[in-house]
Each structure stands twice: as C-alpha cells, then as structure tokens.
Amino acid sequence: MPAPIPDLKVDEVLPPQINPIAAKLAASADPTDRATARILAKYLDELLRLPGTNVRIGLDPILALLPGVGDTVASGAGVIILIEALRSGVSIPVFLHMTLNMGINFLVGLIPGAGAVASVFFKSNSRNLHLLTTWQEGQKDKVHYSTLRFYAGLLILAALIISFIIIGWAFYAWLFVTAIDAVMHALGLR
C-alpha cells in the first residue's frame, strides 16, 4: 500500500528531498567515498602510459581527436570534479582557477589534432584534482598562493598578447606608410 499523501496548504514550502546515499557520501570522512574526482582525473588524464616513454594519456586526448564532440564529452566528465570542489567548499578564486583550467583545455581541444596533443600535456583534470585534494587536506594557503600565481601569470600573458598586438599594428601602420611613400615617390608625386 503506497504512503498516504500529506495534506498540503496553499503556499506551503516543502522540505527538499535529499538523496540519502549522496548525503552519506558528502558527510563521510572516508577518502574512498570521495574518490569520484580521483577516478575521473585518472581515466581522463592518466589511464595509459605510452610505450617507451613516461608520458601518460587518458581518454581526454583520445576523445579530443573528435573535434567538438569529444571535447564536450571530456569536459562534461571534468565538470564532475568541479562539482566535487563546490561540495568541498573551495573558495571562489580557487573554483575560478579550476574552471579556467577546464575552459583552456576545452578551447585548445577544439583545434583539430593540436588540441589532442596539448591535452596530453596540459591535463586540466589532474591539475584540478591537485587543487581540490590540496584544499581538502587543509592546505588552503598553499592553494591560495598557487591561485594568485596562476592569475598573475594569466595577467602577464594577457599583457604580452596585447603588447604583441599593439606592436604588430604599429609595424603594419609603418609598413603601410612606407609603401604609400614609395608608391608616391615612384609616381613622381613626391
């Protein structure tokens, strides 16, 4: 016999239904209960060792060989590590650092061929797992400084890119003016 339906009042707010298994895993201090991020990072980044080398690859670079679709699937699996980080209560800057790792991996992975090779070496899921486990082990200052270095590096990279763009435009402007001057001189207009 099914459970009786409770009487509901207008505008009554019902308590959320909590999955008891998820609640048990979230409250557990046993590291094997929180192994989802570890398993995903291993399978996505370090599943196989290339023969004759110390280079390890996972499903992420293999899936990256399918432009667009493969990267979406691999990034979708990597999002689970981000969800685990949110459940662990990482700070917003650390979470943004992890999200940028995933974004960089996804965007570079969209480049056919080169994206798969870059994914072998960048290993965003392993990076995120390292940030998460360091945070969970109580070494929040270490993660904080790592994140500050990451953002400082990102800022320096952006400054370099902007500088190269400005220098490139200045070079093309100089080249254009020089070419116009040479044409005017050749036509006798100068």
Protein backbone atom coordinates (compact mmCIF):
# COMPACT_ATOMS: atom_id res chain seq x y z
CA MET A 1 0.00 0.00 0.00
CA PRO A 2 1.51 3.37 -1.04
CA ALA A 3 2.32 6.02 1.54
CA PRO A 4 -0.50 8.47 2.18
CA ILE A 5 -0.22 11.84 0.52
CA PRO A 6 0.05 14.57 3.16
CA ASP A 7 -2.43 17.42 3.20
CA LEU A 8 -0.86 20.43 1.57
CA LYS A 9 -1.69 24.01 2.41
CA VAL A 10 -1.67 26.85 -0.09
CA ASP A 11 1.82 28.43 -0.40
CA GLU A 12 3.34 25.76 1.84
CA VAL A 13 7.07 25.26 1.29
CA LEU A 14 8.04 21.62 1.26
CA PRO A 15 11.44 20.47 2.51
CA PRO A 16 13.77 19.26 -0.23
CA GLN A 17 14.07 15.56 -0.87
CA ILE A 18 17.65 14.59 -0.08
CA ASN A 19 19.22 11.57 -1.68
CA PRO A 20 20.36 9.52 1.35
CA ILE A 21 23.31 7.96 -0.50
CA ALA A 22 24.63 11.36 -1.65
CA ALA A 23 24.14 12.79 1.84
CA LYS A 24 26.11 9.88 3.36
CA LEU A 25 28.97 10.30 0.88
CA ALA A 26 29.11 14.07 1.38
CA ALA A 27 29.25 13.70 5.16
CA SER A 28 31.77 10.87 5.11
CA ALA A 29 35.38 11.47 6.13
CA ASP A 30 36.49 8.26 4.38
CA PRO A 31 38.58 9.25 1.29
CA THR A 32 37.35 6.23 -0.66
CA ASP A 33 33.83 7.67 -0.51
CA ARG A 34 35.05 10.84 -2.20
CA ALA A 35 37.04 9.07 -4.90
CA THR A 36 34.92 10.20 -7.85
CA ALA A 37 37.22 13.10 -8.69
CA ARG A 38 40.30 10.88 -8.38
CA ILE A 39 38.85 8.21 -10.66
CA LEU A 40 37.75 10.74 -13.27
CA ALA A 41 41.12 12.51 -13.29
CA LYS A 42 42.89 9.18 -13.69
CA TYR A 43 40.69 7.98 -16.56
CA LEU A 44 40.60 11.34 -18.33
CA ASP A 45 44.29 12.25 -18.00
CA GLU A 46 46.50 9.31 -16.97
CA LEU A 47 44.91 6.00 -17.97
CA LEU A 48 47.64 4.62 -20.27
CA ARG A 49 51.40 5.02 -20.48
CA LEU A 50 52.79 5.49 -23.97
CA PRO A 51 55.22 2.62 -24.62
CA GLY A 52 58.86 3.56 -24.22
CA THR A 53 58.09 6.88 -22.50
CA ASN A 54 56.95 8.21 -19.16
CA VAL A 55 54.12 10.12 -20.84
CA ARG A 56 50.66 9.09 -19.70
CA ILE A 57 47.47 9.77 -21.63
CA GLY A 58 43.85 9.34 -20.78
CA LEU A 59 40.52 9.47 -22.53
CA ASP A 60 40.58 13.27 -22.78
CA PRO A 61 43.20 13.49 -25.56
CA ILE A 62 41.74 10.43 -27.27
CA LEU A 63 38.28 12.00 -27.27
CA ALA A 64 39.83 15.30 -28.41
CA LEU A 65 40.53 13.62 -31.75
CA LEU A 66 36.80 14.03 -32.40
CA PRO A 67 36.62 17.85 -32.69
CA GLY A 68 33.80 19.42 -30.74
CA VAL A 69 32.01 16.26 -29.66
CA GLY A 70 34.95 14.60 -27.90
CA ASP A 71 35.95 17.75 -26.05
CA THR A 72 32.39 18.33 -24.93
CA VAL A 73 32.13 14.80 -23.53
CA ALA A 74 35.51 15.01 -21.78
CA SER A 75 34.74 18.45 -20.36
CA GLY A 76 31.34 17.23 -19.22
CA ALA A 77 33.05 14.50 -17.24
CA GLY A 78 35.56 17.03 -15.89
CA VAL A 79 32.70 19.18 -14.60
CA ILE A 80 32.07 16.46 -12.01
CA ILE A 81 35.43 17.38 -10.45
CA LEU A 82 34.22 20.99 -10.29
CA ILE A 83 31.02 19.87 -8.59
CA GLU A 84 33.10 17.93 -6.05
CA ALA A 85 35.09 21.12 -5.45
CA LEU A 86 31.90 23.06 -4.79
CA ARG A 87 30.75 20.37 -2.36
CA SER A 88 34.10 20.67 -0.57
CA GLY A 89 33.60 24.40 -0.15
CA VAL A 90 36.60 25.70 -2.11
CA SER A 91 36.89 29.47 -2.32
CA ILE A 92 35.59 31.35 -5.35
CA PRO A 93 39.10 32.24 -6.69
CA VAL A 94 40.16 28.58 -6.49
CA PHE A 95 36.93 27.49 -8.18
CA LEU A 96 37.52 30.07 -10.93
CA HIS A 97 41.09 28.75 -11.31
CA MET A 98 39.69 25.24 -11.76
CA THR A 99 37.06 26.50 -14.21
CA LEU A 100 39.72 28.31 -16.25
CA ASN A 101 41.75 25.08 -16.40
CA MET A 102 38.70 23.33 -17.84
CA GLY A 103 37.99 26.21 -20.23
CA ILE A 104 41.55 26.32 -21.53
CA ASN A 105 41.51 22.57 -22.08
CA PHE A 106 38.16 22.79 -23.89
CA LEU A 107 39.14 25.71 -26.14
CA VAL A 108 42.55 24.30 -27.06
CA GLY A 109 40.93 20.91 -27.63
CA LEU A 110 38.76 22.42 -30.36
CA ILE A 111 41.85 22.79 -32.57
CA PRO A 112 41.90 19.58 -34.63
CA GLY A 113 44.98 17.46 -33.92
CA ALA A 114 46.88 20.10 -31.94
CA GLY A 115 44.17 20.10 -29.28
CA ALA A 116 44.67 16.40 -28.61
CA VAL A 117 48.44 16.85 -28.29
CA ALA A 118 48.03 19.84 -25.97
CA SER A 119 45.57 17.86 -23.85
CA VAL A 120 48.23 15.18 -23.27
CA PHE A 121 50.48 17.74 -21.60
CA PHE A 122 48.04 20.23 -20.03
CA LYS A 123 45.99 17.64 -18.05
CA SER A 124 43.34 20.01 -16.70
CA ASN A 125 41.57 17.29 -14.71
CA SER A 126 44.76 16.28 -12.88
CA ARG A 127 45.50 19.95 -12.18
CA ASN A 128 42.00 20.41 -10.79
CA LEU A 129 42.29 17.24 -8.72
CA HIS A 130 45.56 18.51 -7.25
CA LEU A 131 43.92 21.84 -6.33
CA LEU A 132 40.95 20.01 -4.81
CA THR A 133 42.92 17.49 -2.76
CA THR A 134 45.30 20.17 -1.52
CA TRP A 135 42.27 22.20 -0.44
CA GLN A 136 40.62 19.20 1.22
CA GLU A 137 43.82 18.36 3.12
CA GLY A 138 43.62 21.73 4.82
CA GLN A 139 46.44 23.43 2.91
CA LYS A 140 44.25 26.34 1.87
CA ASP A 141 47.14 28.86 1.98
CA LYS A 142 49.14 26.76 -0.48
CA VAL A 143 46.18 26.64 -2.88
CA HIS A 144 45.54 30.36 -2.37
CA TYR A 145 49.14 31.27 -3.33
CA SER A 146 49.03 28.85 -6.27
CA THR A 147 45.86 30.54 -7.46
CA LEU A 148 47.40 34.00 -7.07
CA ARG A 149 50.39 32.88 -9.15
CA PHE A 150 48.00 31.48 -11.76
CA TYR A 151 46.10 34.77 -12.04
CA ALA A 152 49.36 36.76 -12.09
CA GLY A 153 50.62 34.53 -14.91
CA LEU A 154 47.32 34.94 -16.75
CA LEU A 155 47.57 38.72 -16.37
CA ILE A 156 51.17 38.73 -17.66
CA LEU A 157 50.13 36.55 -20.60
CA ALA A 158 47.25 38.90 -21.44
CA ALA A 159 49.62 41.90 -21.21
CA LEU A 160 52.09 40.17 -23.55
CA ILE A 161 49.37 39.33 -26.06
CA ILE A 162 48.07 42.92 -26.01
CA SER A 163 51.64 44.22 -26.38
CA PHE A 164 52.26 41.95 -29.38
CA ILE A 165 49.00 43.12 -30.97
CA ILE A 166 49.94 46.79 -30.47
CA ILE A 167 53.46 46.22 -31.80
CA GLY A 168 52.03 44.32 -34.78
CA TRP A 169 49.58 47.11 -35.60
CA ALA A 170 52.35 49.71 -35.26
CA PHE A 171 54.55 47.65 -37.60
CA TYR A 172 51.76 47.32 -40.19
CA ALA A 173 50.99 51.05 -39.94
CA TRP A 174 54.68 51.86 -40.51
CA LEU A 175 54.81 49.37 -43.40
CA PHE A 176 51.67 50.92 -44.96
CA VAL A 177 53.04 54.46 -44.67
CA THR A 178 56.39 53.35 -46.12
CA ALA A 179 54.65 51.57 -49.02
CA ILE A 180 52.46 54.63 -49.77
CA ASP A 181 55.54 56.86 -49.66
CA ALA A 182 57.42 54.53 -52.07
CA VAL A 183 54.47 54.47 -54.50
CA MET A 184 54.14 58.25 -54.38
CA HIS A 185 57.87 58.61 -54.97
CA ALA A 186 57.76 56.13 -57.90
CA LEU A 187 54.85 58.02 -59.50
CA GLY A 188 56.68 61.33 -59.10
CA LEU A 189 54.04 62.74 -56.82
CA ARG A 190 56.60 63.49 -54.20
